C-alpha atoms as a PDB file:
ATOM      1  CA  MET A   1      70.198 -21.192  -6.098  1.00  0.00           C
ATOM      2  CA  HIS A   2      71.664 -24.627  -6.678  1.00  0.00           C
ATOM      3  CA  THR A   3      71.954 -26.986  -9.621  1.00  0.00           C
ATOM      4  CA  VAL A   4      70.943 -30.625  -9.945  1.00  0.00           C
ATOM      5  CA  GLU A   5      71.021 -33.388 -12.533  1.00  0.00           C
ATOM      6  CA  ALA A   6      67.390 -34.429 -12.850  1.00  0.00           C
ATOM      7  CA  LYS A   7      66.330 -38.028 -13.509  1.00  0.00           C
ATOM      8  CA  GLY A   8      63.501 -37.048 -15.836  1.00  0.00           C
ATOM      9  CA  ILE A   9      61.825 -33.936 -17.207  1.00  0.00           C
ATOM     10  CA  LEU A  10      58.443 -34.802 -18.788  1.00  0.00           C
ATOM     11  CA  SER A  11      55.443 -35.840 -16.703  1.00  0.00           C
ATOM     12  CA  ALA A  12      52.946 -38.470 -17.827  1.00  0.00           C
ATOM     13  CA  HIS A  13      50.906 -35.635 -19.359  1.00  0.00           C
ATOM     14  CA  ASN A  14      53.893 -34.040 -21.142  1.00  0.00           C
ATOM     15  CA  GLY A  15      54.425 -31.224 -18.665  1.00  0.00           C
ATOM     16  CA  MET A  16      57.831 -30.022 -17.557  1.00  0.00           C
ATOM     17  CA  ASN A  17      59.313 -27.672 -14.962  1.00  0.00           C
ATOM     18  CA  VAL A  18      62.951 -26.766 -15.484  1.00  0.00           C
ATOM     19  CA  TYR A  19      63.214 -24.891 -12.190  1.00  0.00           C
ATOM     20  CA  ARG A  20      61.904 -25.716  -8.712  1.00  0.00           C
ATOM     21  CA  GLY A  21      61.072 -22.920  -6.311  1.00  0.00           C
ATOM     22  CA  CYS A  22      60.299 -19.345  -7.314  1.00  0.00           C
ATOM     23  CA  GLN A  23      61.530 -15.765  -7.071  1.00  0.00           C
ATOM     24  CA  HIS A  24      58.199 -14.021  -7.651  1.00  0.00           C
ATOM     25  CA  GLY A  25      57.151 -13.826  -4.002  1.00  0.00           C
ATOM     26  CA  CYS A  26      53.392 -14.126  -4.635  1.00  0.00           C
ATOM     27  CA  ILE A  27      51.742 -14.146  -1.212  1.00  0.00           C
ATOM     28  CA  TYR A  28      49.236 -16.867  -2.178  1.00  0.00           C
ATOM     29  CA  CYS A  29      51.540 -19.377  -3.897  1.00  0.00           C
ATOM     30  CA  ASP A  30      50.248 -22.951  -3.569  1.00  0.00           C
ATOM     31  CA  THR A  31      53.599 -24.421  -4.609  1.00  0.00           C
ATOM     32  CA  ARG A  32      54.905 -23.575  -1.133  1.00  0.00           C
ATOM     33  CA  SER A  33      52.581 -26.280   0.250  1.00  0.00           C
ATOM     34  CA  LYS A  34      54.336 -29.082   2.120  1.00  0.00           C
ATOM     35  CA  CYS A  35      52.489 -31.727   0.108  1.00  0.00           C
ATOM     36  CA  TYR A  36      54.868 -31.136  -2.807  1.00  0.00           C
ATOM     37  CA  GLY A  37      57.786 -32.412  -0.755  1.00  0.00           C
ATOM     38  CA  MET A  38      60.275 -29.681  -1.517  1.00  0.00           C
ATOM     39  CA  THR A  39      63.470 -30.427   0.392  1.00  0.00           C
ATOM     40  CA  HIS A  40      65.077 -26.978   0.057  1.00  0.00           C
ATOM     41  CA  ASP A  41      64.019 -23.425   0.855  1.00  0.00           C
ATOM     42  CA  PHE A  42      61.449 -22.154  -1.624  1.00  0.00           C
ATOM     43  CA  GLU A  43      63.607 -19.172  -2.602  1.00  0.00           C
ATOM     44  CA  ASP A  44      66.656 -21.436  -3.067  1.00  0.00           C
ATOM     45  CA  ILE A  45      65.886 -22.151  -6.706  1.00  0.00           C
ATOM     46  CA  GLU A  46      66.727 -25.602  -8.008  1.00  0.00           C
ATOM     47  CA  ILE A  47      68.032 -25.443 -11.582  1.00  0.00           C
ATOM     48  CA  LYS A  48      67.746 -28.655 -13.576  1.00  0.00           C
ATOM     49  CA  LEU A  49      70.903 -28.325 -15.629  1.00  0.00           C
ATOM     50  CA  ASN A  50      70.258 -31.380 -17.788  1.00  0.00           C
ATOM     51  CA  ALA A  51      66.628 -30.485 -18.569  1.00  0.00           C
ATOM     52  CA  PRO A  52      67.380 -29.711 -22.257  1.00  0.00           C
ATOM     53  CA  SER A  53      69.184 -33.023 -22.873  1.00  0.00           C
ATOM     54  CA  LEU A  54      66.457 -34.964 -21.046  1.00  0.00           C
ATOM     55  CA  LEU A  55      63.797 -33.220 -23.103  1.00  0.00           C
ATOM     56  CA  GLU A  56      65.565 -33.981 -26.356  1.00  0.00           C
ATOM     57  CA  GLN A  57      65.848 -37.656 -25.411  1.00  0.00           C
ATOM     58  CA  ALA A  58      62.141 -37.747 -24.532  1.00  0.00           C
ATOM     59  CA  LEU A  59      61.025 -36.077 -27.765  1.00  0.00           C
ATOM     60  CA  ARG A  60      63.176 -38.413 -29.861  1.00  0.00           C
ATOM     61  CA  ARG A  61      61.337 -41.380 -28.363  1.00  0.00           C
ATOM     62  CA  LYS A  62      57.846 -40.060 -29.038  1.00  0.00           C
ATOM     63  CA  LYS A  63      56.033 -41.650 -31.949  1.00  0.00           C
ATOM     64  CA  GLN A  64      53.941 -38.581 -32.706  1.00  0.00           C
ATOM     65  CA  ARG A  65      54.079 -34.900 -31.987  1.00  0.00           C
ATOM     66  CA  CYS A  66      52.054 -33.413 -29.144  1.00  0.00           C
ATOM     67  CA  MET A  67      51.781 -30.351 -26.917  1.00  0.00           C
ATOM     68  CA  ILE A  68      54.509 -29.828 -24.323  1.00  0.00           C
ATOM     69  CA  GLY A  69      53.439 -27.780 -21.314  1.00  0.00           C
ATOM     70  CA  THR A  70      55.517 -25.757 -18.882  1.00  0.00           C
ATOM     71  CA  GLY A  71      54.846 -23.394 -15.990  1.00  0.00           C
ATOM     72  CA  SER A  72      52.353 -25.356 -13.902  1.00  0.00           C
ATOM     73  CA  MET A  73      54.570 -25.597 -10.793  1.00  0.00           C
ATOM     74  CA  CYS A  74      57.290 -23.029 -11.419  1.00  0.00           C
ATOM     75  CA  ASP A  75      57.323 -20.039 -13.727  1.00  0.00           C
ATOM     76  CA  PRO A  76      59.738 -20.755 -16.607  1.00  0.00           C
ATOM     77  CA  TYR A  77      60.605 -17.050 -16.809  1.00  0.00           C
ATOM     78  CA  ILE A  78      61.818 -16.344 -13.293  1.00  0.00           C
ATOM     79  CA  PRO A  79      64.712 -13.804 -13.237  1.00  0.00           C
ATOM     80  CA  LEU A  80      67.325 -16.596 -13.124  1.00  0.00           C
ATOM     81  CA  GLU A  81      66.207 -17.612 -16.625  1.00  0.00           C
ATOM     82  CA  GLU A  82      67.916 -14.506 -18.028  1.00  0.00           C
ATOM     83  CA  GLU A  83      71.268 -15.915 -16.931  1.00  0.00           C
ATOM     84  CA  TRP A  84      70.788 -19.673 -17.304  1.00  0.00           C
ATOM     85  CA  GLN A  85      68.397 -19.779 -20.308  1.00  0.00           C
ATOM     86  CA  ILE A  86      67.240 -23.326 -19.551  1.00  0.00           C
ATOM     87  CA  THR A  87      63.734 -22.478 -20.749  1.00  0.00           C
ATOM     88  CA  ARG A  88      65.145 -20.986 -23.935  1.00  0.00           C
ATOM     89  CA  GLN A  89      67.149 -24.127 -24.656  1.00  0.00           C
ATOM     90  CA  CYS A  90      64.084 -26.315 -24.123  1.00  0.00           C
ATOM     91  CA  LEU A  91      61.975 -24.157 -26.427  1.00  0.00           C
ATOM     92  CA  GLU A  92      64.626 -24.437 -29.126  1.00  0.00           C
ATOM     93  CA  ILE A  93      64.432 -28.232 -28.827  1.00  0.00           C
ATOM     94  CA  ILE A  94      60.627 -28.195 -28.984  1.00  0.00           C
ATOM     95  CA  ASP A  95      60.872 -26.045 -32.096  1.00  0.00           C
ATOM     96  CA  ARG A  96      63.540 -28.228 -33.708  1.00  0.00           C
ATOM     97  CA  TYR A  97      61.486 -31.401 -33.261  1.00  0.00           C
ATOM     98  CA  GLY A  98      58.225 -29.775 -34.370  1.00  0.00           C
ATOM     99  CA  PHE A  99      56.266 -30.194 -31.140  1.00  0.00           C
ATOM    100  CA  GLY A 100      53.663 -27.806 -29.768  1.00  0.00           C
ATOM    101  CA  LEU A 101      54.047 -25.590 -26.714  1.00  0.00           C
ATOM    102  CA  SER A 102      51.729 -24.455 -23.950  1.00  0.00           C
ATOM    103  CA  VAL A 103      53.530 -22.055 -21.601  1.00  0.00           C
ATOM    104  CA  LEU A 104      52.208 -20.398 -18.427  1.00  0.00           C
ATOM    105  CA  THR A 105      53.957 -17.367 -16.933  1.00  0.00           C
ATOM    106  CA  LYS A 106      53.495 -14.090 -15.075  1.00  0.00           C
ATOM    107  CA  SER A 107      56.538 -12.491 -16.650  1.00  0.00           C
ATOM    108  CA  ALA A 108      56.980 -10.136 -19.563  1.00  0.00           C
ATOM    109  CA  HIS A 109      60.429 -11.725 -20.051  1.00  0.00           C
ATOM    110  CA  ILE A 110      58.689 -14.206 -22.337  1.00  0.00           C
ATOM    111  CA  LEU A 111      58.914 -11.542 -25.045  1.00  0.00           C
ATOM    112  CA  ARG A 112      62.613 -12.392 -25.334  1.00  0.00           C
ATOM    113  CA  ASP A 113      61.524 -15.579 -27.082  1.00  0.00           C
ATOM    114  CA  LEU A 114      58.816 -14.062 -29.286  1.00  0.00           C
ATOM    115  CA  GLU A 115      60.386 -15.101 -32.589  1.00  0.00           C
ATOM    116  CA  LEU A 116      60.859 -18.627 -31.322  1.00  0.00           C
ATOM    117  CA  LEU A 117      57.249 -18.785 -30.148  1.00  0.00           C
ATOM    118  CA  ARG A 118      56.118 -17.515 -33.549  1.00  0.00           C
ATOM    119  CA  HIS A 119      58.048 -20.264 -35.309  1.00  0.00           C
ATOM    120  CA  ILE A 120      56.714 -22.990 -33.001  1.00  0.00           C
ATOM    121  CA  HIS A 121      53.177 -21.800 -33.714  1.00  0.00           C
ATOM    122  CA  ALA A 122      53.767 -21.524 -37.453  1.00  0.00           C
ATOM    123  CA  GLN A 123      54.769 -25.181 -37.736  1.00  0.00           C
ATOM    124  CA  GLY A 124      52.301 -26.530 -35.180  1.00  0.00           C
ATOM    125  CA  LYS A 125      50.807 -24.738 -32.207  1.00  0.00           C
ATOM    126  CA  CYS A 126      51.870 -22.421 -29.414  1.00  0.00           C
ATOM    127  CA  VAL A 127      49.600 -21.080 -26.668  1.00  0.00           C
ATOM    128  CA  VAL A 128      50.814 -18.452 -24.206  1.00  0.00           C
ATOM    129  CA  GLN A 129      49.034 -18.434 -20.857  1.00  0.00           C
ATOM    130  CA  MET A 130      49.216 -15.507 -18.462  1.00  0.00           C
ATOM    131  CA  THR A 131      47.953 -15.256 -14.878  1.00  0.00           C
ATOM    132  CA  LEU A 132      46.002 -12.093 -14.021  1.00  0.00           C
ATOM    133  CA  THR A 133      44.733 -11.524 -10.483  1.00  0.00           C
ATOM    134  CA  THR A 134      44.125  -7.772 -10.437  1.00  0.00           C
ATOM    135  CA  TYR A 135      43.870  -4.958 -12.944  1.00  0.00           C
ATOM    136  CA  ASP A 136      45.448  -2.602 -10.371  1.00  0.00           C
ATOM    137  CA  ASN A 137      49.255  -2.359 -10.576  1.00  0.00           C
ATOM    138  CA  ALA A 138      49.458  -1.046  -7.009  1.00  0.00           C
ATOM    139  CA  LEU A 139      47.651  -4.075  -5.574  1.00  0.00           C
ATOM    140  CA  CYS A 140      49.648  -6.334  -7.875  1.00  0.00           C
ATOM    141  CA  SER A 141      52.885  -5.020  -6.341  1.00  0.00           C
ATOM    142  CA  ILE A 142      51.662  -6.202  -2.919  1.00  0.00           C
ATOM    143  CA  ILE A 143      50.259  -9.631  -3.674  1.00  0.00           C
ATOM    144  CA  GLU A 144      52.770 -10.434  -6.472  1.00  0.00           C
ATOM    145  CA  PRO A 145      55.761  -8.277  -5.473  1.00  0.00           C
ATOM    146  CA  HIS A 146      58.486  -9.481  -7.844  1.00  0.00           C
ATOM    147  CA  VAL A 147      56.410 -10.164 -10.953  1.00  0.00           C
ATOM    148  CA  SER A 148      55.816  -8.101 -14.077  1.00  0.00           C
ATOM    149  CA  PRO A 149      52.955  -5.709 -13.213  1.00  0.00           C
ATOM    150  CA  THR A 150      49.546  -6.376 -14.687  1.00  0.00           C
ATOM    151  CA  SER A 151      49.964  -3.634 -17.287  1.00  0.00           C
ATOM    152  CA  GLU A 152      53.106  -5.318 -18.668  1.00  0.00           C
ATOM    153  CA  ARG A 153      51.458  -8.739 -18.713  1.00  0.00           C
ATOM    154  CA  VAL A 154      48.557  -7.328 -20.690  1.00  0.00           C
ATOM    155  CA  GLU A 155      50.989  -5.853 -23.188  1.00  0.00           C
ATOM    156  CA  VAL A 156      52.419  -9.364 -23.596  1.00  0.00           C
ATOM    157  CA  LEU A 157      48.925 -10.659 -24.364  1.00  0.00           C
ATOM    158  CA  LYS A 158      48.414  -7.913 -26.939  1.00  0.00           C
ATOM    159  CA  THR A 159      51.808  -8.601 -28.505  1.00  0.00           C
ATOM    160  CA  MET A 160      50.888 -12.261 -28.855  1.00  0.00           C
ATOM    161  CA  ARG A 161      47.563 -11.247 -30.375  1.00  0.00           C
ATOM    162  CA  ASP A 162      49.344  -9.042 -32.914  1.00  0.00           C
ATOM    163  CA  ASN A 163      51.658 -11.930 -33.795  1.00  0.00           C
ATOM    164  CA  GLY A 164      48.868 -14.482 -34.254  1.00  0.00           C
ATOM    165  CA  ILE A 165      49.708 -16.492 -31.111  1.00  0.00           C
ATOM    166  CA  PRO A 166      46.623 -17.541 -29.103  1.00  0.00           C
ATOM    167  CA  THR A 167      46.469 -16.733 -25.403  1.00  0.00           C
ATOM    168  CA  VAL A 168      44.667 -17.997 -22.315  1.00  0.00           C
ATOM    169  CA  VAL A 169      44.347 -16.074 -19.045  1.00  0.00           C
ATOM    170  CA  TRP A 170      44.266 -17.733 -15.626  1.00  0.00           C
ATOM    171  CA  LEU A 171      41.869 -15.655 -13.516  1.00  0.00           C
ATOM    172  CA  CYS A 172      43.069 -16.965 -10.180  1.00  0.00           C
ATOM    173  CA  PRO A 173      43.390 -16.856  -7.323  1.00  0.00           C
ATOM    174  CA  ILE A 174      40.712 -14.439  -6.192  1.00  0.00           C
ATOM    175  CA  LEU A 175      41.594 -13.595  -2.599  1.00  0.00           C
ATOM    176  CA  PRO A 176      38.592 -13.043  -0.310  1.00  0.00           C
ATOM    177  CA  PHE A 177      38.345  -9.478   1.002  1.00  0.00           C
ATOM    178  CA  ILE A 178      41.271  -8.360  -1.200  1.00  0.00           C
ATOM    179  CA  ASN A 179      40.676  -8.674  -4.955  1.00  0.00           C
ATOM    180  CA  ASP A 180      37.187 -10.243  -4.945  1.00  0.00           C
ATOM    181  CA  THR A 181      35.382  -7.095  -6.054  1.00  0.00           C
ATOM    182  CA  GLU A 182      33.180  -6.496  -9.050  1.00  0.00           C
ATOM    183  CA  GLU A 183      35.401  -3.576 -10.017  1.00  0.00           C
ATOM    184  CA  ASN A 184      38.452  -5.827 -10.140  1.00  0.00           C
ATOM    185  CA  ILE A 185      36.797  -8.630 -12.100  1.00  0.00           C
ATOM    186  CA  ARG A 186      35.302  -6.164 -14.582  1.00  0.00           C
ATOM    187  CA  GLY A 187      38.717  -4.559 -14.973  1.00  0.00           C
ATOM    188  CA  ILE A 188      40.455  -7.864 -15.709  1.00  0.00           C
ATOM    189  CA  LEU A 189      37.737  -8.968 -18.117  1.00  0.00           C
ATOM    190  CA  ARG A 190      37.969  -5.670 -19.974  1.00  0.00           C
ATOM    191  CA  LEU A 191      41.713  -6.187 -20.416  1.00  0.00           C
ATOM    192  CA  CYS A 192      41.111  -9.743 -21.660  1.00  0.00           C
ATOM    193  CA  VAL A 193      38.580  -8.536 -24.217  1.00  0.00           C
ATOM    194  CA  GLU A 194      40.987  -5.861 -25.450  1.00  0.00           C
ATOM    195  CA  ALA A 195      43.711  -8.479 -25.833  1.00  0.00           C
ATOM    196  CA  GLN A 196      41.321 -10.855 -27.648  1.00  0.00           C
ATOM    197  CA  VAL A 197      42.255 -13.830 -25.505  1.00  0.00           C
ATOM    198  CA  LYS A 198      41.128 -17.276 -26.618  1.00  0.00           C
ATOM    199  CA  GLY A 199      39.989 -18.389 -23.171  1.00  0.00           C
ATOM    200  CA  ILE A 200      39.885 -17.516 -19.473  1.00  0.00           C
ATOM    201  CA  LEU A 201      40.391 -20.208 -16.835  1.00  0.00           C
ATOM    202  CA  CYS A 202      38.571 -19.631 -13.566  1.00  0.00           C
ATOM    203  CA  PHE A 203      38.240 -22.303 -10.888  1.00  0.00           C
ATOM    204  CA  GLY A 204      35.701 -20.361  -8.858  1.00  0.00           C
ATOM    205  CA  MET A 205      36.034 -16.982  -7.197  1.00  0.00           C
ATOM    206  CA  GLY A 206      38.249 -17.821  -4.255  1.00  0.00           C
ATOM    207  CA  MET A 207      41.522 -19.481  -3.309  1.00  0.00           C
ATOM    208  CA  THR A 208      42.959 -22.582  -1.681  1.00  0.00           C
ATOM    209  CA  LEU A 209      45.303 -22.908   1.284  1.00  0.00           C
ATOM    210  CA  ARG A 210      47.287 -25.884   2.519  1.00  0.00           C
ATOM    211  CA  GLU A 211      49.909 -26.459   5.156  1.00  0.00           C
ATOM    212  CA  GLY A 212      52.962 -24.497   4.139  1.00  0.00           C
ATOM    213  CA  SER A 213      51.206 -22.004   1.895  1.00  0.00           C
ATOM    214  CA  ARG A 214      48.736 -20.997   4.638  1.00  0.00           C
ATOM    215  CA  GLU A 215      51.448 -19.954   7.088  1.00  0.00           C
ATOM    216  CA  TYR A 216      53.240 -17.845   4.483  1.00  0.00           C
ATOM    217  CA  PHE A 217      49.997 -16.241   3.310  1.00  0.00           C
ATOM    218  CA  TYR A 218      48.954 -15.318   6.838  1.00  0.00           C
ATOM    219  CA  ALA A 219      52.373 -13.811   7.575  1.00  0.00           C
ATOM    220  CA  GLN A 220      52.010 -11.609   4.493  1.00  0.00           C
ATOM    221  CA  LEU A 221      48.500 -10.593   5.530  1.00  0.00           C
ATOM    222  CA  ASP A 222      49.889  -9.442   8.872  1.00  0.00           C
ATOM    223  CA  ARG A 223      52.520  -7.463   6.993  1.00  0.00           C
ATOM    224  CA  HIS A 224      50.345  -5.829   4.333  1.00  0.00           C
ATOM    225  CA  PHE A 225      46.741  -6.099   5.562  1.00  0.00           C
ATOM    226  CA  PRO A 226      46.774  -5.823   9.368  1.00  0.00           C
ATOM    227  CA  GLY A 227      43.806  -7.538  11.004  1.00  0.00           C
ATOM    228  CA  LEU A 228      42.743  -9.444   7.896  1.00  0.00           C
ATOM    229  CA  LYS A 229      44.243 -12.745   9.058  1.00  0.00           C
ATOM    230  CA  GLN A 230      41.769 -12.842  11.942  1.00  0.00           C
ATOM    231  CA  ARG A 231      38.909 -12.370   9.480  1.00  0.00           C
ATOM    232  CA  TYR A 232      40.175 -15.285   7.410  1.00  0.00           C
ATOM    233  CA  ILE A 233      40.455 -17.532  10.454  1.00  0.00           C
ATOM    234  CA  ALA A 234      36.968 -16.588  11.636  1.00  0.00           C
ATOM    235  CA  SER A 235      35.476 -17.139   8.158  1.00  0.00           C
ATOM    236  CA  TYR A 236      37.321 -20.271   7.017  1.00  0.00           C
ATOM    237  CA  GLY A 237      39.228 -21.893   9.874  1.00  0.00           C
ATOM    238  CA  ASN A 238      41.679 -24.383   8.355  1.00  0.00           C
ATOM    239  CA  ALA A 239      39.578 -25.089   5.256  1.00  0.00           C
ATOM    240  CA  TYR A 240      41.336 -25.979   2.000  1.00  0.00           C
ATOM    241  CA  GLU A 241      38.846 -24.103  -0.192  1.00  0.00           C
ATOM    242  CA  LEU A 242      38.153 -20.458   0.622  1.00  0.00           C
ATOM    243  CA  PRO A 243      35.359 -19.188  -1.629  1.00  0.00           C
ATOM    244  CA  SER A 244      34.724 -15.481  -1.804  1.00  0.00           C
ATOM    245  CA  PRO A 245      31.451 -14.339  -0.205  1.00  0.00           C
ATOM    246  CA  ASN A 246      30.897 -12.568  -3.534  1.00  0.00           C
ATOM    247  CA  GLN A 247      31.417 -15.745  -5.573  1.00  0.00           C
ATOM    248  CA  GLY A 248      27.888 -16.052  -6.983  1.00  0.00           C
ATOM    249  CA  ARG A 249      27.623 -12.632  -8.578  1.00  0.00           C
ATOM    250  CA  LEU A 250      31.272 -12.582  -9.667  1.00  0.00           C
ATOM    251  CA  LEU A 251      30.919 -15.931 -11.451  1.00  0.00           C
ATOM    252  CA  HIS A 252      27.756 -14.686 -13.131  1.00  0.00           C
ATOM    253  CA  LEU A 253      29.645 -11.588 -14.329  1.00  0.00           C
ATOM    254  CA  PHE A 254      32.541 -13.736 -15.547  1.00  0.00           C
ATOM    255  CA  ARG A 255      30.428 -16.230 -17.467  1.00  0.00           C
ATOM    256  CA  ASP A 256      28.103 -13.624 -18.930  1.00  0.00           C
ATOM    257  CA  THR A 257      31.037 -11.579 -20.231  1.00  0.00           C
ATOM    258  CA  CYS A 258      32.775 -14.597 -21.751  1.00  0.00           C
ATOM    259  CA  ARG A 259      29.609 -15.768 -23.500  1.00  0.00           C
ATOM    260  CA  ARG A 260      28.941 -12.291 -24.871  1.00  0.00           C
ATOM    261  CA  GLU A 261      32.517 -11.854 -26.124  1.00  0.00           C
ATOM    262  CA  GLY A 262      32.948 -15.382 -27.498  1.00  0.00           C
ATOM    263  CA  ILE A 263      35.714 -16.292 -25.032  1.00  0.00           C
ATOM    264  CA  LEU A 264      36.148 -19.905 -23.921  1.00  0.00           C
ATOM    265  CA  TYR A 265      35.472 -20.242 -20.185  1.00  0.00           C
ATOM    266  CA  ARG A 266      34.550 -23.871 -19.466  1.00  0.00           C
ATOM    267  CA  THR A 267      37.614 -25.518 -17.924  1.00  0.00           C
ATOM    268  CA  ASP A 268      37.219 -28.804 -19.812  1.00  0.00           C
ATOM    269  CA  GLU A 269      37.038 -26.994 -23.165  1.00  0.00           C
ATOM    270  CA  ILE A 270      40.090 -24.882 -22.398  1.00  0.00           C
ATOM    271  CA  PHE A 271      42.221 -27.802 -21.232  1.00  0.00           C
ATOM    272  CA  GLU A 272      41.205 -29.775 -24.301  1.00  0.00           C
ATOM    273  CA  TYR A 273      42.297 -26.824 -26.424  1.00  0.00           C
ATOM    274  CA  LEU A 274      45.613 -26.542 -24.576  1.00  0.00           C
ATOM    275  CA  ASN A 275      46.327 -30.263 -24.943  1.00  0.00           C
ATOM    276  CA  THR A 276      45.292 -30.627 -28.572  1.00  0.00           C
ATOM    277  CA  PHE A 277      48.037 -30.663 -31.169  1.00  0.00           C
ATOM    278  CA  PRO A 278      46.886 -30.122 -34.792  1.00  0.00           C
ATOM    279  CA  GLY A 279      45.944 -33.467 -36.255  1.00  0.00           C
ATOM    280  CA  ASP A 280      45.134 -35.159 -32.928  1.00  0.00           C
ATOM    281  CA  THR A 281      42.271 -37.652 -33.004  1.00  0.00           C
ATOM    282  CA  PRO A 282      39.764 -38.236 -30.179  1.00  0.00           C
ATOM    283  CA  GLU A 283      41.554 -41.511 -29.379  1.00  0.00           C
ATOM    284  CA  GLN A 284      44.869 -39.702 -29.067  1.00  0.00           C
ATOM    285  CA  LEU A 285      43.357 -36.990 -26.865  1.00  0.00           C
ATOM    286  CA  SER A 286      42.123 -39.608 -24.409  1.00  0.00           C
ATOM    287  CA  LEU A 287      45.745 -40.229 -23.477  1.00  0.00           C
ATOM    288  CA  PHE A 288      45.794 -36.840 -21.736  1.00  0.00           C
ATOM    289  CA  GLY A 289      42.688 -37.506 -19.645  1.00  0.00           C
END
C-alpha cells in the first residue's frame, strides 16, 4: 500500500472512492481494466489520506443536502480500512453535515459502522448495497476469494433490515458456464426475499471483459476451471459483452420473482431511488442525470 494526497474526492455525481485498487481478489473485477489508467499495481492499494478533509470542504460548499455515494470503483471496506478508517472518518463527516449515504460493498466489515449508518438514515437517508454473485459459499471462495462469504453478506442485509436501513443487491456479474444456472439465480433471489431488499440491480445475465481484466480473468480460469478459457474464447472471442447462453430464461425468472415479491428491478428506478435525498424535487434530480 501507499498513501497520496488527492486533489479532489467527489465526482460530478457526488461519488467518492477513498481507496484505489483492491484486496478482494475477485476473478472478474472490471476495475483492473487498463481504461481506468491505474499507474500502480492493483494490489498496491492507494490510500487517499486527505479524503476526509476534502470531503468536508466539498460538503461545506454545497447549497443543499444530497446523497453521497461510495464503492463504485473500490470497496470502502477492504481489510486496510480496519487500520486506516478513512471510510469511517468520511461517514462521520457525512453524518455531521446531514447528508445522505449510498454505500456499495462486499464486506461484512460494514457492520462496524452500524450505529453510524442508523444515525445517517434517521436524519436523512442511508442505503446499503451488497453484491451477490452466488448463493454457494464454496463457489464464492473461488470467484471472490478474499471477500466475506455470501452467507455473511446476507446476514448484513438482514441486520440492515432489522435496523430499518434499506438495501439494494447487485446481482452481477453472472459468469457464463460458472454461476449462470437457474439453481444459483433462484438461490440468490430467495436470499434477497428473506432479507426484504428494496431492489435488485441486474444488467443482464452475463459479464463484461476489457483489456486488463480479461487477462486476469483468463489466468484465474486456467487456475480454477481448467479448459474453460478455451470455451470462452470460442464463444466470445474478444467481445466486451459476454451474455450467458441462459440469459433469456434467467432474466424471465429474475423479473417474475421481483414483480411477485414487490422488489424494484428496473435499473432507472433503482438509480433514481439511490440518488434521491428526501425533499429532492424533479428539477434537482435532473442534476444527477
